[in-house]
Amino acid sequence: DAPRCFATAISLAPNVADAIDEAVEKCLSQFVGSSQVDLAMFHVSSSHLNAVSAGDISSRLRQKLPGLKVYLGATCGGTLASFGADQEPLEVEAQLAFSLVLCALPGVEVRPFWLDERSLPGGVSALDVEAWQKIFELPVSPADDAQPIFLTYPLPGFSNYLGDMLTGLDAAYPRALKAGGIASTVSSLHKPRAWVGFGDESDLES
């Protein structure tokens, strides 16, 4: 079987297309063999979006990574990734940057989901386990090796609803692993933005 691979890179190129190209090439150079990329996660400096749109970024990623199944990304004021030949960690604040994580996950189904406060089924006081399971359309299995893993990636504006969402996830999938963090930073100059893409389908943006 093909190995699972994870790679990370960052580019400080002032042109976002060049930054994407550089980050993709650095990540792919870390892969073993010709692994198919299943998931891409990125952070792009908010200032980059003064010159390009989110659609430009997704189009470039799809062009550089044919067959990419799912990607998700967000704007940022600062980001962290590996850099240089020695892959030393580099933290960048308040300057143009594009950081990228590529994942090759053979044998794993990557299934994105998108929620806002209107799609949460009730509140904690009226927890409906079946309603939560219906949102994710994932079977509940007693087998340890069949448990889903949830990666949550909320914008800061969703923070008030994060507790309800995690409570619902725990009730619906009590044995599943949940991980994640806030997707974007808040800035007085830029509105935080996040988006997700499904293969060749249209993007969802917030």
Protein backbone atom coordinates (compact mmCIF):
# COMPACT_ATOMS: atom_id res chain seq x y z
CA ASP A 1 0.00 0.00 0.00
CA ALA A 2 1.08 3.59 -0.63
CA PRO A 3 2.33 5.35 2.53
CA ARG A 4 0.47 8.18 4.18
CA CYS A 5 2.44 11.40 3.76
CA PHE A 6 2.25 14.83 5.36
CA ALA A 7 4.30 17.82 4.25
CA THR A 8 4.39 21.49 5.13
CA ALA A 9 6.03 24.55 3.58
CA ILE A 10 5.83 28.32 3.55
CA SER A 11 6.56 30.92 0.88
CA LEU A 12 7.26 34.61 1.36
CA ALA A 13 6.99 35.43 -2.35
CA PRO A 14 5.19 38.78 -2.84
CA ASN A 15 3.09 37.40 -5.71
CA VAL A 16 0.48 34.94 -4.45
CA ALA A 17 0.63 32.72 -7.56
CA ASP A 18 4.40 32.41 -7.14
CA ALA A 19 3.91 31.76 -3.43
CA ILE A 20 1.47 28.92 -4.11
CA ASP A 21 3.78 27.39 -6.72
CA GLU A 22 6.77 27.53 -4.38
CA ALA A 23 4.89 26.09 -1.40
CA VAL A 24 3.41 23.25 -3.47
CA GLU A 25 6.79 22.32 -4.94
CA LYS A 26 8.44 22.32 -1.51
CA CYS A 27 5.71 20.09 -0.09
CA LEU A 28 5.76 17.64 -2.97
CA SER A 29 9.54 17.30 -2.68
CA GLN A 30 8.98 15.84 0.80
CA PHE A 31 6.57 13.14 -0.40
CA VAL A 32 7.59 9.53 -0.85
CA GLY A 33 7.07 8.43 -4.45
CA SER A 34 4.21 9.85 -6.48
CA SER A 35 1.60 10.09 -3.75
CA GLN A 36 -1.84 11.42 -4.60
CA VAL A 37 -2.69 14.53 -2.56
CA ASP A 38 -6.04 14.07 -0.85
CA LEU A 39 -6.17 17.12 1.42
CA ALA A 40 -4.60 20.58 1.28
CA MET A 41 -4.78 23.09 4.13
CA PHE A 42 -3.41 26.60 3.81
CA HIS A 43 -3.18 30.02 5.41
CA VAL A 44 -2.76 33.11 3.28
CA SER A 45 -1.87 36.59 4.54
CA SER A 46 -4.92 38.82 4.48
CA SER A 47 -2.91 41.41 2.54
CA HIS A 48 -2.54 38.97 -0.36
CA LEU A 49 -6.28 39.19 -0.94
CA ASN A 50 -5.94 42.86 -1.82
CA ALA A 51 -4.48 41.69 -5.13
CA VAL A 52 -6.24 38.37 -5.79
CA SER A 53 -9.51 36.64 -4.94
CA ALA A 54 -10.12 33.41 -3.09
CA GLY A 55 -11.15 31.94 -6.43
CA ASP A 56 -7.71 32.72 -7.85
CA ILE A 57 -6.11 30.76 -5.03
CA SER A 58 -8.37 27.73 -5.42
CA SER A 59 -7.88 27.69 -9.19
CA ARG A 60 -4.11 27.78 -8.75
CA LEU A 61 -4.18 24.95 -6.23
CA ARG A 62 -6.31 22.78 -8.50
CA GLN A 63 -3.96 23.52 -11.39
CA LYS A 64 -0.87 22.57 -9.39
CA LEU A 65 -2.46 19.56 -7.69
CA PRO A 66 -4.56 17.60 -10.22
CA GLY A 67 -6.91 15.20 -8.50
CA LEU A 68 -6.94 17.15 -5.23
CA LYS A 69 -10.04 15.98 -3.35
CA VAL A 70 -10.53 18.55 -0.61
CA TYR A 71 -8.89 21.78 0.45
CA LEU A 72 -9.59 24.27 3.17
CA GLY A 73 -7.95 27.55 3.99
CA ALA A 74 -8.21 30.83 5.81
CA THR A 75 -6.73 34.28 5.95
CA CYS A 76 -4.24 35.11 8.66
CA GLY A 77 -2.22 37.90 10.18
CA GLY A 78 0.60 35.48 10.96
CA THR A 79 1.42 31.88 10.15
CA LEU A 80 3.86 29.10 11.00
CA ALA A 81 5.37 26.37 8.82
CA SER A 82 8.69 24.75 7.98
CA PHE A 83 11.17 26.63 5.81
CA GLY A 84 14.46 26.01 4.02
CA ALA A 85 16.45 22.89 3.23
CA ASP A 86 16.53 21.86 6.90
CA GLN A 87 12.77 22.39 7.29
CA GLU A 88 13.25 24.64 10.30
CA PRO A 89 10.04 26.13 11.72
CA LEU A 90 9.44 29.72 10.69
CA GLU A 91 6.87 32.07 12.19
CA VAL A 92 5.78 35.04 10.10
CA GLU A 93 3.81 38.01 11.43
CA ALA A 94 2.37 41.02 9.61
CA GLN A 95 3.93 40.31 6.22
CA LEU A 96 3.00 38.51 3.02
CA ALA A 97 3.11 34.73 3.41
CA PHE A 98 1.43 31.57 2.18
CA SER A 99 1.73 28.40 4.28
CA LEU A 100 0.59 25.00 3.10
CA VAL A 101 0.07 21.49 4.44
CA LEU A 102 -0.43 18.65 1.96
CA CYS A 103 -1.71 15.23 3.02
CA ALA A 104 -1.70 11.96 1.11
CA LEU A 105 -4.17 9.66 2.84
CA PRO A 106 -4.57 6.39 0.94
CA GLY A 107 -7.47 4.33 2.22
CA VAL A 108 -8.99 7.33 4.02
CA GLU A 109 -12.22 9.04 2.98
CA VAL A 110 -11.95 12.81 3.47
CA ARG A 111 -15.44 14.24 3.88
CA PRO A 112 -15.68 18.02 4.41
CA PHE A 113 -18.57 19.72 6.18
CA TRP A 114 -19.63 23.34 6.51
CA LEU A 115 -21.74 24.66 9.39
CA ASP A 116 -23.00 28.02 10.55
CA GLU A 117 -25.11 28.97 13.55
CA ARG A 118 -28.32 28.45 11.54
CA SER A 119 -27.50 24.82 10.77
CA LEU A 120 -26.92 23.75 14.38
CA PRO A 121 -29.82 21.50 15.46
CA GLY A 122 -31.25 23.24 18.50
CA GLY A 123 -29.09 23.91 21.51
CA VAL A 124 -27.49 21.91 24.26
CA SER A 125 -30.75 21.99 26.23
CA ALA A 126 -32.57 20.32 23.33
CA LEU A 127 -29.83 17.99 22.13
CA ASP A 128 -31.02 15.78 19.29
CA VAL A 129 -28.46 13.04 18.64
CA GLU A 130 -30.15 11.84 15.46
CA ALA A 131 -30.23 15.39 14.08
CA TRP A 132 -26.48 15.71 14.62
CA GLN A 133 -25.81 12.37 12.98
CA LYS A 134 -27.97 13.43 10.03
CA ILE A 135 -25.78 16.51 9.47
CA PHE A 136 -22.61 14.47 9.05
CA GLU A 137 -24.20 11.37 7.49
CA LEU A 138 -21.66 9.11 9.16
CA PRO A 139 -22.58 5.70 10.57
CA VAL A 140 -21.99 5.01 14.24
CA SER A 141 -19.85 1.91 14.67
CA PRO A 142 -18.75 0.11 17.85
CA ALA A 143 -15.43 -0.87 16.22
CA ASP A 144 -12.41 1.19 17.29
CA ASP A 145 -10.90 1.14 13.81
CA ALA A 146 -14.10 2.51 12.25
CA GLN A 147 -14.37 5.70 14.30
CA PRO A 148 -14.35 9.00 12.36
CA ILE A 149 -11.89 11.77 13.15
CA PHE A 150 -13.27 15.31 13.14
CA LEU A 151 -11.10 18.33 12.34
CA THR A 152 -12.91 21.55 13.19
CA TYR A 153 -11.73 24.82 11.69
CA PRO A 154 -14.06 27.65 12.81
CA LEU A 155 -13.78 31.35 12.16
CA PRO A 156 -13.58 33.64 15.23
CA GLY A 157 -17.22 34.66 14.72
CA PHE A 158 -18.31 31.08 15.36
CA SER A 159 -16.68 30.99 18.80
CA ASN A 160 -19.98 31.56 20.60
CA TYR A 161 -21.40 28.41 19.01
CA LEU A 162 -18.32 26.21 19.27
CA GLY A 163 -19.31 24.74 22.62
CA ASP A 164 -22.72 23.68 21.28
CA MET A 165 -21.11 22.12 18.22
CA LEU A 166 -18.59 20.11 20.23
CA THR A 167 -21.31 19.00 22.65
CA GLY A 168 -23.38 17.80 19.70
CA LEU A 169 -20.41 15.98 18.18
CA ASP A 170 -19.62 14.28 21.48
CA ALA A 171 -23.22 13.16 21.87
CA ALA A 172 -23.53 11.86 18.31
CA TYR A 173 -20.04 10.32 18.04
CA PRO A 174 -18.83 9.79 21.62
CA ARG A 175 -15.81 7.64 20.67
CA ALA A 176 -14.63 9.76 17.75
CA LEU A 177 -11.50 11.91 18.01
CA LYS A 178 -12.05 15.67 17.67
CA ALA A 179 -9.27 18.19 17.02
CA GLY A 180 -8.93 21.68 15.59
CA GLY A 181 -8.39 25.35 16.22
CA ILE A 182 -9.53 28.82 15.21
CA ALA A 183 -9.08 29.18 11.45
CA SER A 184 -8.24 32.85 11.13
CA THR A 185 -7.04 35.81 13.12
CA VAL A 186 -9.03 38.95 13.77
CA SER A 187 -7.60 42.19 12.40
CA SER A 188 -8.83 45.74 12.38
CA LEU A 189 -7.74 45.98 8.73
CA HIS A 190 -9.18 42.76 7.30
CA LYS A 191 -12.26 40.65 7.86
CA PRO A 192 -11.39 37.00 8.63
CA ARG A 193 -12.28 34.65 5.79
CA ALA A 194 -12.31 30.90 5.33
CA TRP A 195 -13.25 28.61 2.47
CA VAL A 196 -13.41 24.95 1.52
CA GLY A 197 -13.34 23.25 -1.86
CA PHE A 198 -14.55 19.82 -2.96
CA GLY A 199 -12.52 18.57 -5.92
CA ASP A 200 -13.72 20.40 -9.03
CA GLU A 201 -16.90 21.66 -7.39
CA SER A 202 -17.54 25.28 -6.45
CA ASP A 203 -16.05 26.70 -3.26
CA LEU A 204 -17.87 27.59 -0.08
CA GLU A 205 -16.67 30.84 1.46
CA SER A 206 -17.37 32.76 4.64
